[in-house]
Amino acid sequence: MEELLRTNDPVLISFLESLLGEAGIRYFVADDNMSILEGSISMIPRRLLVDGTQIAQARRLVTDAGLAHELGPESPSSF
């Protein structure tokens, strides 16, 4: 899995989950349940991870949706 983006915006995460799901891109939202530890203040950003074989397709999809400014660096970290 490679990091596509990192954000505290739950609406953005939800939108991208829908977008990626419809495109058949496998993804995982890491740190989604950290609000239990942080007290729901959204201090810890959620990471949207994508299957490494589909990262280029996912980046293109997010860019086409007009959200390129939300993407992480081109050299993704693997998990």
PDB file of N, CA and C in Angstrom:
ATOM      1  N   MET A   1       0.849  -1.176   0.000  1.00  0.00           N
ATOM      2  CA  MET A   1       0.000   0.000   0.000  1.00  0.00           C
ATOM      3  C   MET A   1       0.896   1.241   0.000  1.00  0.00           C
ATOM      4  N   GLU A   2       0.482   2.227  -0.765  1.00  0.00           N
ATOM      5  CA  GLU A   2       1.229   3.483  -0.845  1.00  0.00           C
ATOM      6  C   GLU A   2       0.304   4.641  -0.488  1.00  0.00           C
ATOM      7  N   GLU A   3       0.873   5.635   0.178  1.00  0.00           N
ATOM      8  CA  GLU A   3       0.079   6.779   0.608  1.00  0.00           C
ATOM      9  C   GLU A   3      -0.286   7.653  -0.578  1.00  0.00           C
ATOM     10  N   LEU A   4      -1.577   7.868  -0.755  1.00  0.00           N
ATOM     11  CA  LEU A   4      -2.081   8.757  -1.800  1.00  0.00           C
ATOM     12  C   LEU A   4      -2.165  10.174  -1.257  1.00  0.00           C
ATOM     13  N   LEU A   5      -2.726  10.313  -0.055  1.00  0.00           N
ATOM     14  CA  LEU A   5      -2.815  11.621   0.582  1.00  0.00           C
ATOM     15  C   LEU A   5      -3.041  11.468   2.064  1.00  0.00           C
ATOM     16  N   ARG A   6      -2.914  12.587   2.749  1.00  0.00           N
ATOM     17  CA  ARG A   6      -3.067  12.665   4.204  1.00  0.00           C
ATOM     18  C   ARG A   6      -3.915  13.906   4.480  1.00  0.00           C
ATOM     19  N   THR A   7      -4.991  13.749   5.253  1.00  0.00           N
ATOM     20  CA  THR A   7      -5.881  14.881   5.497  1.00  0.00           C
ATOM     21  C   THR A   7      -6.660  14.708   6.796  1.00  0.00           C
ATOM     22  N   ASN A   8      -7.133  15.821   7.321  1.00  0.00           N
ATOM     23  CA  ASN A   8      -8.046  15.821   8.467  1.00  0.00           C
ATOM     24  C   ASN A   8      -9.490  16.038   8.018  1.00  0.00           C
ATOM     25  N   ASP A   9      -9.710  16.154   6.732  1.00  0.00           N
ATOM     26  CA  ASP A   9     -11.028  16.471   6.179  1.00  0.00           C
ATOM     27  C   ASP A   9     -11.838  15.193   5.936  1.00  0.00           C
ATOM     28  N   PRO A  10     -12.830  14.905   6.793  1.00  0.00           N
ATOM     29  CA  PRO A  10     -13.619  13.679   6.628  1.00  0.00           C
ATOM     30  C   PRO A  10     -14.466  13.675   5.359  1.00  0.00           C
ATOM     31  N   VAL A  11     -14.863  14.853   4.901  1.00  0.00           N
ATOM     32  CA  VAL A  11     -15.656  14.936   3.673  1.00  0.00           C
ATOM     33  C   VAL A  11     -14.801  14.555   2.464  1.00  0.00           C
ATOM     34  N   LEU A  12     -13.565  15.025   2.438  1.00  0.00           N
ATOM     35  CA  LEU A  12     -12.644  14.677   1.356  1.00  0.00           C
ATOM     36  C   LEU A  12     -12.383  13.173   1.346  1.00  0.00           C
ATOM     37  N   ILE A  13     -12.132  12.591   2.506  1.00  0.00           N
ATOM     38  CA  ILE A  13     -11.895  11.148   2.601  1.00  0.00           C
ATOM     39  C   ILE A  13     -13.113  10.387   2.070  1.00  0.00           C
ATOM     40  N   SER A  14     -14.285  10.782   2.487  1.00  0.00           N
ATOM     41  CA  SER A  14     -15.513  10.115   2.048  1.00  0.00           C
ATOM     42  C   SER A  14     -15.687  10.214   0.535  1.00  0.00           C
ATOM     43  N   PHE A  15     -15.448  11.394  -0.017  1.00  0.00           N
ATOM     44  CA  PHE A  15     -15.572  11.585  -1.463  1.00  0.00           C
ATOM     45  C   PHE A  15     -14.584  10.694  -2.213  1.00  0.00           C
ATOM     46  N   LEU A  16     -13.337  10.666  -1.738  1.00  0.00           N
ATOM     47  CA  LEU A  16     -12.319   9.871  -2.421  1.00  0.00           C
ATOM     48  C   LEU A  16     -12.571   8.378  -2.270  1.00  0.00           C
ATOM     49  N   GLU A  17     -13.117   7.959  -1.141  1.00  0.00           N
ATOM     50  CA  GLU A  17     -13.488   6.548  -0.985  1.00  0.00           C
ATOM     51  C   GLU A  17     -14.514   6.166  -2.050  1.00  0.00           C
ATOM     52  N   SER A  18     -15.477   7.033  -2.266  1.00  0.00           N
ATOM     53  CA  SER A  18     -16.491   6.782  -3.285  1.00  0.00           C
ATOM     54  C   SER A  18     -15.884   6.757  -4.683  1.00  0.00           C
ATOM     55  N   LEU A  19     -15.045   7.732  -4.967  1.00  0.00           N
ATOM     56  CA  LEU A  19     -14.400   7.851  -6.274  1.00  0.00           C
ATOM     57  C   LEU A  19     -13.521   6.628  -6.570  1.00  0.00           C
ATOM     58  N   LEU A  20     -12.701   6.251  -5.613  1.00  0.00           N
ATOM     59  CA  LEU A  20     -11.808   5.109  -5.801  1.00  0.00           C
ATOM     60  C   LEU A  20     -12.590   3.800  -5.878  1.00  0.00           C
ATOM     61  N   GLY A  21     -13.592   3.673  -5.050  1.00  0.00           N
ATOM     62  CA  GLY A  21     -14.420   2.465  -5.055  1.00  0.00           C
ATOM     63  C   GLY A  21     -15.114   2.247  -6.382  1.00  0.00           C
ATOM     64  N   GLU A  22     -15.674   3.318  -6.941  1.00  0.00           N
ATOM     65  CA  GLU A  22     -16.348   3.221  -8.241  1.00  0.00           C
ATOM     66  C   GLU A  22     -15.381   2.858  -9.357  1.00  0.00           C
ATOM     67  N   ALA A  23     -14.124   3.258  -9.216  1.00  0.00           N
ATOM     68  CA  ALA A  23     -13.112   2.967 -10.237  1.00  0.00           C
ATOM     69  C   ALA A  23     -12.480   1.591 -10.032  1.00  0.00           C
ATOM     70  N   GLY A  24     -12.857   0.910  -8.954  1.00  0.00           N
ATOM     71  CA  GLY A  24     -12.303  -0.406  -8.686  1.00  0.00           C
ATOM     72  C   GLY A  24     -10.886  -0.386  -8.141  1.00  0.00           C
ATOM     73  N   ILE A  25     -10.498   0.728  -7.545  1.00  0.00           N
ATOM     74  CA  ILE A  25      -9.157   0.872  -6.982  1.00  0.00           C
ATOM     75  C   ILE A  25      -9.209   0.460  -5.510  1.00  0.00           C
ATOM     76  N   ARG A  26      -8.319  -0.448  -5.138  1.00  0.00           N
ATOM     77  CA  ARG A  26      -8.266  -0.919  -3.752  1.00  0.00           C
ATOM     78  C   ARG A  26      -7.587   0.128  -2.876  1.00  0.00           C
ATOM     79  N   TYR A  27      -8.216   0.442  -1.744  1.00  0.00           N
ATOM     80  CA  TYR A  27      -7.689   1.475  -0.851  1.00  0.00           C
ATOM     81  C   TYR A  27      -7.941   1.080   0.601  1.00  0.00           C
ATOM     82  N   PHE A  28      -7.293   1.799   1.495  1.00  0.00           N
ATOM     83  CA  PHE A  28      -7.467   1.617   2.928  1.00  0.00           C
ATOM     84  C   PHE A  28      -7.272   2.969   3.598  1.00  0.00           C
ATOM     85  N   VAL A  29      -8.148   3.310   4.537  1.00  0.00           N
ATOM     86  CA  VAL A  29      -7.994   4.557   5.290  1.00  0.00           C
ATOM     87  C   VAL A  29      -7.324   4.216   6.614  1.00  0.00           C
ATOM     88  N   ALA A  30      -6.068   4.635   6.754  1.00  0.00           N
ATOM     89  CA  ALA A  30      -5.304   4.388   7.974  1.00  0.00           C
ATOM     90  C   ALA A  30      -5.555   5.509   8.972  1.00  0.00           C
ATOM     91  N   ASP A  31      -5.470   5.188  10.230  1.00  0.00           N
ATOM     92  CA  ASP A  31      -5.642   6.148  11.327  1.00  0.00           C
ATOM     93  C   ASP A  31      -7.070   6.668  11.417  1.00  0.00           C
ATOM     94  N   ASP A  32      -8.013   5.951  10.827  1.00  0.00           N
ATOM     95  CA  ASP A  32      -9.408   6.395  10.814  1.00  0.00           C
ATOM     96  C   ASP A  32     -10.024   6.395  12.209  1.00  0.00           C
ATOM     97  N   ASN A  33      -9.597   5.507  13.059  1.00  0.00           N
ATOM     98  CA  ASN A  33     -10.180   5.407  14.404  1.00  0.00           C
ATOM     99  C   ASN A  33      -9.334   6.075  15.484  1.00  0.00           C
ATOM    100  N   MET A  34      -8.412   6.913  15.089  1.00  0.00           N
ATOM    101  CA  MET A  34      -7.549   7.586  16.063  1.00  0.00           C
ATOM    102  C   MET A  34      -8.310   8.623  16.884  1.00  0.00           C
ATOM    103  N   SER A  35      -9.520   8.983  16.473  1.00  0.00           N
ATOM    104  CA  SER A  35     -10.302   9.962  17.235  1.00  0.00           C
ATOM    105  C   SER A  35     -10.580   9.453  18.649  1.00  0.00           C
ATOM    106  N   ILE A  36     -10.548   8.140  18.836  1.00  0.00           N
ATOM    107  CA  ILE A  36     -10.740   7.571  20.166  1.00  0.00           C
ATOM    108  C   ILE A  36      -9.615   8.031  21.088  1.00  0.00           C
ATOM    109  N   LEU A  37      -8.398   8.061  20.556  1.00  0.00           N
ATOM    110  CA  LEU A  37      -7.247   8.469  21.360  1.00  0.00           C
ATOM    111  C   LEU A  37      -7.073   9.980  21.447  1.00  0.00           C
ATOM    112  N   GLU A  38      -7.446  10.675  20.380  1.00  0.00           N
ATOM    113  CA  GLU A  38      -7.200  12.120  20.348  1.00  0.00           C
ATOM    114  C   GLU A  38      -8.378  12.933  20.847  1.00  0.00           C
ATOM    115  N   GLY A  39      -9.490  12.298  21.157  1.00  0.00           N
ATOM    116  CA  GLY A  39     -10.653  13.012  21.688  1.00  0.00           C
ATOM    117  C   GLY A  39     -11.448  13.751  20.643  1.00  0.00           C
ATOM    118  N   SER A  40     -11.483  13.265  19.416  1.00  0.00           N
ATOM    119  CA  SER A  40     -12.281  13.827  18.315  1.00  0.00           C
ATOM    120  C   SER A  40     -11.908  15.253  17.947  1.00  0.00           C
ATOM    121  N   ILE A  41     -10.640  15.630  18.082  1.00  0.00           N
ATOM    122  CA  ILE A  41     -10.231  16.985  17.711  1.00  0.00           C
ATOM    123  C   ILE A  41      -9.554  17.018  16.345  1.00  0.00           C
ATOM    124  N   SER A  42      -9.494  15.873  15.668  1.00  0.00           N
ATOM    125  CA  SER A  42      -8.908  15.768  14.316  1.00  0.00           C
ATOM    126  C   SER A  42      -7.467  16.260  14.269  1.00  0.00           C
ATOM    127  N   MET A  43      -6.715  15.934  15.288  1.00  0.00           N
ATOM    128  CA  MET A  43      -5.318  16.340  15.333  1.00  0.00           C
ATOM    129  C   MET A  43      -4.447  15.428  14.471  1.00  0.00           C
ATOM    130  N   ILE A  44      -4.803  14.160  14.394  1.00  0.00           N
ATOM    131  CA  ILE A  44      -4.022  13.188  13.632  1.00  0.00           C
ATOM    132  C   ILE A  44      -4.661  13.021  12.256  1.00  0.00           C
ATOM    133  N   PRO A  45      -3.943  13.354  11.197  1.00  0.00           N
ATOM    134  CA  PRO A  45      -4.524  13.227   9.858  1.00  0.00           C
ATOM    135  C   PRO A  45      -4.744  11.768   9.476  1.00  0.00           C
ATOM    136  N   ARG A  46      -5.785  11.534   8.711  1.00  0.00           N
ATOM    137  CA  ARG A  46      -6.062  10.200   8.173  1.00  0.00           C
ATOM    138  C   ARG A  46      -5.242  10.045   6.911  1.00  0.00           C
ATOM    139  N   ARG A  47      -4.738   8.838   6.678  1.00  0.00           N
ATOM    140  CA  ARG A  47      -3.955   8.554   5.480  1.00  0.00           C
ATOM    141  C   ARG A  47      -4.760   7.650   4.567  1.00  0.00           C
ATOM    142  N   LEU A  48      -4.876   8.039   3.323  1.00  0.00           N
ATOM    143  CA  LEU A  48      -5.555   7.231   2.323  1.00  0.00           C
ATOM    144  C   LEU A  48      -4.483   6.458   1.568  1.00  0.00           C
ATOM    145  N   LEU A  49      -4.480   5.152   1.755  1.00  0.00           N
ATOM    146  CA  LEU A  49      -3.490   4.276   1.137  1.00  0.00           C
ATOM    147  C   LEU A  49      -4.127   3.537  -0.023  1.00  0.00           C
ATOM    148  N   VAL A  50      -3.350   3.358  -1.082  1.00  0.00           N
ATOM    149  CA  VAL A  50      -3.836   2.713  -2.299  1.00  0.00           C
ATOM    150  C   VAL A  50      -2.891   1.577  -2.654  1.00  0.00           C
ATOM    151  N   ASP A  51      -3.442   0.517  -3.238  1.00  0.00           N
ATOM    152  CA  ASP A  51      -2.626  -0.595  -3.711  1.00  0.00           C
ATOM    153  C   ASP A  51      -1.530  -0.039  -4.615  1.00  0.00           C
ATOM    154  N   GLY A  52      -0.296  -0.476  -4.390  1.00  0.00           N
ATOM    155  CA  GLY A  52       0.855   0.051  -5.127  1.00  0.00           C
ATOM    156  C   GLY A  52       0.752  -0.102  -6.631  1.00  0.00           C
ATOM    157  N   THR A  53       0.037  -1.132  -7.087  1.00  0.00           N
ATOM    158  CA  THR A  53      -0.105  -1.340  -8.529  1.00  0.00           C
ATOM    159  C   THR A  53      -1.117  -0.385  -9.147  1.00  0.00           C
ATOM    160  N   GLN A  54      -1.872   0.315  -8.307  1.00  0.00           N
ATOM    161  CA  GLN A  54      -2.918   1.210  -8.806  1.00  0.00           C
ATOM    162  C   GLN A  54      -2.694   2.664  -8.413  1.00  0.00           C
ATOM    163  N   ILE A  55      -1.523   2.981  -7.866  1.00  0.00           N
ATOM    164  CA  ILE A  55      -1.271   4.333  -7.371  1.00  0.00           C
ATOM    165  C   ILE A  55      -1.308   5.376  -8.492  1.00  0.00           C
ATOM    166  N   ALA A  56      -0.742   5.069  -9.646  1.00  0.00           N
ATOM    167  CA  ALA A  56      -0.751   6.036 -10.757  1.00  0.00           C
ATOM    168  C   ALA A  56      -2.174   6.302 -11.226  1.00  0.00           C
ATOM    169  N   GLN A  57      -2.966   5.251 -11.325  1.00  0.00           N
ATOM    170  CA  GLN A  57      -4.370   5.398 -11.727  1.00  0.00           C
ATOM    171  C   GLN A  57      -5.136   6.232 -10.694  1.00  0.00           C
ATOM    172  N   ALA A  58      -4.871   5.996  -9.415  1.00  0.00           N
ATOM    173  CA  ALA A  58      -5.542   6.745  -8.352  1.00  0.00           C
ATOM    174  C   ALA A  58      -5.154   8.216  -8.390  1.00  0.00           C
ATOM    175  N   ARG A  59      -3.859   8.499  -8.584  1.00  0.00           N
ATOM    176  CA  ARG A  59      -3.406   9.899  -8.673  1.00  0.00           C
ATOM    177  C   ARG A  59      -4.056  10.611  -9.857  1.00  0.00           C
ATOM    178  N   ARG A  60      -4.163   9.909 -10.979  1.00  0.00           N
ATOM    179  CA  ARG A  60      -4.785  10.485 -12.166  1.00  0.00           C
ATOM    180  C   ARG A  60      -6.267  10.776 -11.910  1.00  0.00           C
ATOM    181  N   LEU A  61      -6.940   9.861 -11.223  1.00  0.00           N
ATOM    182  CA  LEU A  61      -8.355  10.022 -10.909  1.00  0.00           C
ATOM    183  C   LEU A  61      -8.585  11.231 -10.006  1.00  0.00           C
ATOM    184  N   VAL A  62      -7.745  11.384  -8.994  1.00  0.00           N
ATOM    185  CA  VAL A  62      -7.858  12.520  -8.074  1.00  0.00           C
ATOM    186  C   VAL A  62      -7.548  13.825  -8.807  1.00  0.00           C
ATOM    187  N   THR A  63      -6.555  13.812  -9.670  1.00  0.00           N
ATOM    188  CA  THR A  63      -6.206  14.995 -10.463  1.00  0.00           C
ATOM    189  C   THR A  63      -7.349  15.379 -11.385  1.00  0.00           C
ATOM    190  N   ASP A  64      -7.943  14.388 -12.054  1.00  0.00           N
ATOM    191  CA  ASP A  64      -9.076  14.651 -12.950  1.00  0.00           C
ATOM    192  C   ASP A  64     -10.282  15.203 -12.202  1.00  0.00           C
ATOM    193  N   ALA A  65     -10.390  14.882 -10.920  1.00  0.00           N
ATOM    194  CA  ALA A  65     -11.494  15.389 -10.097  1.00  0.00           C
ATOM    195  C   ALA A  65     -11.214  16.807  -9.597  1.00  0.00           C
ATOM    196  N   GLY A  66     -10.055  17.369  -9.977  1.00  0.00           N
ATOM    197  CA  GLY A  66      -9.722  18.736  -9.583  1.00  0.00           C
ATOM    198  C   GLY A  66      -9.131  18.843  -8.190  1.00  0.00           C
ATOM    199  N   LEU A  67      -8.600  17.737  -7.673  1.00  0.00           N
ATOM    200  CA  LEU A  67      -8.084  17.738  -6.311  1.00  0.00           C
ATOM    201  C   LEU A  67      -6.588  17.437  -6.244  1.00  0.00           C
ATOM    202  N   ALA A  68      -5.862  17.753  -7.288  1.00  0.00           N
ATOM    203  CA  ALA A  68      -4.423  17.468  -7.333  1.00  0.00           C
ATOM    204  C   ALA A  68      -3.680  18.136  -6.183  1.00  0.00           C
ATOM    205  N   HIS A  69      -4.161  19.279  -5.728  1.00  0.00           N
ATOM    206  CA  HIS A  69      -3.505  19.994  -4.632  1.00  0.00           C
ATOM    207  C   HIS A  69      -3.563  19.217  -3.305  1.00  0.00           C
ATOM    208  N   GLU A  70      -4.425  18.224  -3.208  1.00  0.00           N
ATOM    209  CA  GLU A  70      -4.554  17.416  -2.002  1.00  0.00           C
ATOM    210  C   GLU A  70      -3.587  16.232  -1.974  1.00  0.00           C
ATOM    211  N   LEU A  71      -3.011  15.879  -3.122  1.00  0.00           N
ATOM    212  CA  LEU A  71      -2.165  14.700  -3.220  1.00  0.00           C
ATOM    213  C   LEU A  71      -0.859  14.852  -2.462  1.00  0.00           C
ATOM    214  N   GLY A  72      -0.351  13.714  -2.000  1.00  0.00           N
ATOM    215  CA  GLY A  72       0.939  13.684  -1.335  1.00  0.00           C
ATOM    216  C   GLY A  72       2.047  13.758  -2.394  1.00  0.00           C
ATOM    217  N   PRO A  73       3.287  13.649  -1.968  1.00  0.00           N
ATOM    218  CA  PRO A  73       4.414  13.716  -2.895  1.00  0.00           C
ATOM    219  C   PRO A  73       4.403  12.553  -3.898  1.00  0.00           C
ATOM    220  N   GLU A  74       5.034  12.776  -5.052  1.00  0.00           N
ATOM    221  CA  GLU A  74       5.090  11.767  -6.112  1.00  0.00           C
ATOM    222  C   GLU A  74       5.806  10.515  -5.664  1.00  0.00           C
ATOM    223  N   SER A  75       6.829  10.645  -4.841  1.00  0.00           N
ATOM    224  CA  SER A  75       7.568   9.469  -4.373  1.00  0.00           C
ATOM    225  C   SER A  75       6.884   8.946  -3.117  1.00  0.00           C
ATOM    226  N   PRO A  76       5.899   8.054  -3.291  1.00  0.00           N
ATOM    227  CA  PRO A  76       5.091   7.597  -2.169  1.00  0.00           C
ATOM    228  C   PRO A  76       5.856   6.681  -1.237  1.00  0.00           C
ATOM    229  N   SER A  77       5.429   6.684   0.005  1.00  0.00           N
ATOM    230  CA  SER A  77       6.002   5.750   0.970  1.00  0.00           C
ATOM    231  C   SER A  77       5.138   4.495   0.994  1.00  0.00           C
ATOM    232  N   SER A  78       5.766   3.339   1.133  1.00  0.00           N
ATOM    233  CA  SER A  78       5.044   2.068   1.145  1.00  0.00           C
ATOM    234  C   SER A  78       4.756   1.638   2.552  1.00  0.00           C
ATOM    235  N   PHE A  79       3.651   0.926   2.713  1.00  0.00           N
ATOM    236  CA  PHE A  79       3.251   0.411   4.028  1.00  0.00           C
ATOM    237  C   PHE A  79       2.970  -1.058   3.921  1.00  0.00           C
TER     238      PHE A  79
END
